[in-house]
Amino acid sequence: MNHFNFKSPKEFNIFPLQSILSSGHSIMTRFAVAVLMVFISIAGTAQPGNDLCSNATPIVLNGGNICGTTIGAGADNPNGGADCGTGADASGVGVWYTFTGDGQVWDFLFPDMSGWDPEVNVYSGSCGALTCVGGDDDSGSNYSAQFSIPTVAGTTYYVYVHDAFSSSTSDFCFTATPPT
């Protein structure tokens, strides 16, 4: 009996495995299948490409929203547990963005969404040797993060986006606006 239904190398049909759990197979077979199903469900969540500071996504200003996700991201603690413009430590499940300063003030808005309270920290320096520049948690309407960062021309900045509650994750969009 073929319990597996491979349609393509990337597609795996898990439903025949579920039938093994309720059928007359041995307890060891059912346990092995249950463990396999858990592994498949965990492996199905991809890690965002900008999960690490070293892979920060460049902020491209196109006049619209910049969207991303913290779903599947790992926790980070970029400031060693110290606060960075938020009154709380900059830790939690988050992702990284980067931009180069132009000597002007950049305005950021990270709107809150149902079940997600954005907290944002901005650093200068290099990954592994970051210096806090500022950040925000809840200065905008409701629980939005809204703040301004004065920049130095040619300086690289790193923006760490995460939820104020360390384990919450979400898709999100934000705006970054330098003066025109």
Protein backbone atom coordinates (compact mmCIF):
# COMPACT_ATOMS: atom_id res chain seq x y z
CA MET A 1 0.00 0.00 0.00
CA ASN A 2 1.42 3.42 -1.00
CA HIS A 3 0.72 5.93 1.80
CA PHE A 4 2.63 8.74 0.12
CA ASN A 5 1.43 10.74 -2.85
CA PHE A 6 4.28 12.71 -4.41
CA LYS A 7 2.97 15.07 -7.07
CA SER A 8 6.22 16.93 -7.56
CA PRO A 9 9.49 17.17 -5.63
CA LYS A 10 8.18 20.24 -3.75
CA GLU A 11 4.63 19.05 -3.10
CA PHE A 12 3.87 16.45 -0.48
CA ASN A 13 0.34 15.31 0.30
CA ILE A 14 0.07 14.84 4.07
CA PHE A 15 -3.52 13.56 4.18
CA PRO A 16 -2.65 9.86 3.63
CA LEU A 17 -0.40 10.19 6.69
CA GLN A 18 -3.36 11.33 8.76
CA SER A 19 -5.25 8.16 7.84
CA ILE A 20 -2.39 6.09 9.28
CA LEU A 21 -2.91 7.78 12.66
CA SER A 22 -6.46 6.49 12.93
CA SER A 23 -5.99 3.10 11.28
CA GLY A 24 -4.90 -0.24 12.72
CA HIS A 25 -1.14 0.41 12.37
CA SER A 26 1.17 -0.26 15.31
CA ILE A 27 1.67 2.39 17.99
CA MET A 28 5.28 2.91 16.81
CA THR A 29 4.14 3.52 13.23
CA ARG A 30 1.50 5.99 14.39
CA PHE A 31 4.02 7.75 16.64
CA ALA A 32 6.58 8.00 13.81
CA VAL A 33 3.95 9.44 11.47
CA ALA A 34 2.82 11.96 14.10
CA VAL A 35 6.43 13.13 14.58
CA LEU A 36 6.85 13.38 10.79
CA MET A 37 3.69 15.49 10.51
CA VAL A 38 4.94 17.89 13.20
CA PHE A 39 8.30 18.17 11.43
CA ILE A 40 6.61 18.91 8.10
CA SER A 41 4.40 21.60 9.65
CA ILE A 42 7.37 23.30 11.37
CA ALA A 43 9.54 23.11 8.26
CA GLY A 44 6.75 24.73 6.25
CA THR A 45 7.39 28.17 7.79
CA ALA A 46 10.13 29.89 5.82
CA GLN A 47 12.51 32.28 7.51
CA PRO A 48 12.37 35.83 6.07
CA GLY A 49 15.44 36.78 4.05
CA ASN A 50 16.07 39.80 6.29
CA ASP A 51 15.91 37.86 9.57
CA LEU A 52 19.57 38.70 10.29
CA CYS A 53 21.14 42.15 10.46
CA SER A 54 23.74 41.05 7.89
CA ASN A 55 20.89 40.40 5.41
CA ALA A 56 19.00 43.66 6.07
CA THR A 57 16.67 44.68 3.23
CA PRO A 58 17.50 48.09 1.74
CA ILE A 59 14.68 50.62 2.13
CA VAL A 60 13.73 51.72 -1.37
CA LEU A 61 11.77 54.95 -1.39
CA ASN A 62 9.10 54.70 -4.04
CA GLY A 63 6.43 56.87 -2.43
CA GLY A 64 4.44 53.90 -1.21
CA ASN A 65 4.35 51.24 1.45
CA ILE A 66 7.29 49.00 2.21
CA CYS A 67 5.95 45.60 3.25
CA GLY A 68 7.47 42.65 5.04
CA THR A 69 6.83 39.93 7.58
CA THR A 70 8.13 38.74 10.91
CA ILE A 71 6.44 35.35 10.44
CA GLY A 72 9.13 32.68 10.64
CA ALA A 73 11.75 35.16 11.92
CA GLY A 74 14.00 34.38 14.83
CA ALA A 75 14.39 36.45 17.98
CA ASP A 76 17.20 38.95 18.18
CA ASN A 77 18.64 41.13 20.92
CA PRO A 78 20.62 43.77 19.01
CA ASN A 79 21.26 46.12 21.92
CA GLY A 80 22.20 43.61 24.59
CA GLY A 81 18.91 44.03 26.45
CA ALA A 82 19.15 47.84 26.72
CA ASP A 83 16.34 50.02 25.47
CA CYS A 84 16.71 51.88 22.18
CA GLY A 85 14.17 54.66 21.93
CA THR A 86 11.29 52.51 23.16
CA GLY A 87 11.55 52.36 26.93
CA ALA A 88 11.96 48.59 26.73
CA ASP A 89 14.63 46.25 25.47
CA ALA A 90 14.93 45.84 21.72
CA SER A 91 14.37 42.13 21.60
CA GLY A 92 11.87 39.80 20.10
CA VAL A 93 11.03 38.15 16.83
CA GLY A 94 11.92 40.67 14.14
CA VAL A 95 13.47 41.58 10.82
CA TRP A 96 16.02 44.11 9.59
CA TYR A 97 16.02 46.97 7.08
CA THR A 98 18.80 49.37 6.15
CA PHE A 99 19.21 52.79 4.57
CA THR A 100 21.94 55.37 4.06
CA GLY A 101 21.50 58.76 5.67
CA ASP A 102 21.43 61.91 3.55
CA GLY A 103 21.81 64.54 6.29
CA GLN A 104 18.04 65.06 6.49
CA VAL A 105 15.38 63.90 8.95
CA TRP A 106 13.59 60.69 7.96
CA ASP A 107 10.01 60.09 9.13
CA PHE A 108 8.75 56.56 9.77
CA LEU A 109 5.24 55.22 10.30
CA PHE A 110 4.57 51.60 11.26
CA PRO A 111 0.77 51.28 11.66
CA ASP A 112 -0.60 48.92 14.26
CA MET A 113 -2.73 46.03 13.08
CA SER A 114 -5.04 43.64 14.83
CA GLY A 115 -2.89 41.43 17.04
CA TRP A 116 0.37 43.21 16.20
CA ASP A 117 1.93 46.14 18.10
CA PRO A 118 5.00 47.32 16.17
CA GLU A 119 8.14 48.31 18.04
CA VAL A 120 10.97 49.72 15.96
CA ASN A 121 14.60 50.43 16.83
CA VAL A 122 17.11 52.29 14.66
CA TYR A 123 20.87 51.82 14.91
CA SER A 124 23.99 53.10 13.19
CA GLY A 125 27.31 51.30 12.93
CA SER A 126 27.69 47.78 11.63
CA CYS A 127 26.06 44.47 12.46
CA GLY A 128 27.61 43.20 15.67
CA ALA A 129 28.66 46.74 16.68
CA LEU A 130 25.41 48.71 16.62
CA THR A 131 24.81 52.06 18.31
CA CYS A 132 21.27 53.07 19.23
CA VAL A 133 19.98 56.10 17.34
CA GLY A 134 16.32 55.96 18.37
CA GLY A 135 13.06 54.13 17.94
CA ASP A 136 9.44 54.02 18.94
CA ASP A 137 6.65 51.99 20.43
CA ASP A 138 3.15 53.50 20.48
CA SER A 139 3.79 57.21 19.76
CA GLY A 140 1.42 57.15 16.79
CA SER A 141 -2.32 56.62 16.88
CA ASN A 142 -3.49 53.51 18.75
CA TYR A 143 -0.36 51.35 18.96
CA SER A 144 1.40 52.64 15.85
CA ALA A 145 5.12 53.38 15.89
CA GLN A 146 5.68 56.87 14.45
CA PHE A 147 8.97 58.72 14.79
CA SER A 148 11.66 60.79 13.07
CA ILE A 149 15.38 60.09 12.81
CA PRO A 150 17.90 62.85 11.99
CA THR A 151 20.52 61.29 9.70
CA VAL A 152 24.16 61.96 8.91
CA ALA A 153 25.02 61.92 5.20
CA GLY A 154 26.72 58.66 4.21
CA THR A 155 25.99 56.87 7.51
CA THR A 156 24.44 53.41 7.29
CA TYR A 157 21.39 52.86 9.50
CA TYR A 158 19.76 49.57 10.51
CA VAL A 159 16.06 49.37 11.39
CA TYR A 160 14.92 46.47 13.57
CA VAL A 161 11.15 45.82 13.26
CA HIS A 162 9.48 43.57 15.83
CA ASP A 163 6.40 43.30 17.98
CA ALA A 164 6.33 44.94 21.39
CA PHE A 165 5.40 41.51 22.73
CA SER A 166 8.42 39.33 22.03
CA SER A 167 6.70 36.32 20.45
CA SER A 168 4.03 37.95 18.24
CA THR A 169 4.54 37.88 14.48
CA SER A 170 2.73 39.43 11.55
CA ASP A 171 2.85 40.68 8.00
CA PHE A 172 3.20 44.47 8.03
CA CYS A 173 3.72 47.56 5.90
CA PHE A 174 5.36 50.88 6.75
CA THR A 175 6.36 54.18 5.19
CA ALA A 176 9.71 55.94 5.31
CA THR A 177 9.74 59.52 4.12
CA PRO A 178 12.82 61.71 3.81
CA PRO A 179 12.20 65.41 3.18
CA THR A 180 11.52 66.39 -0.42
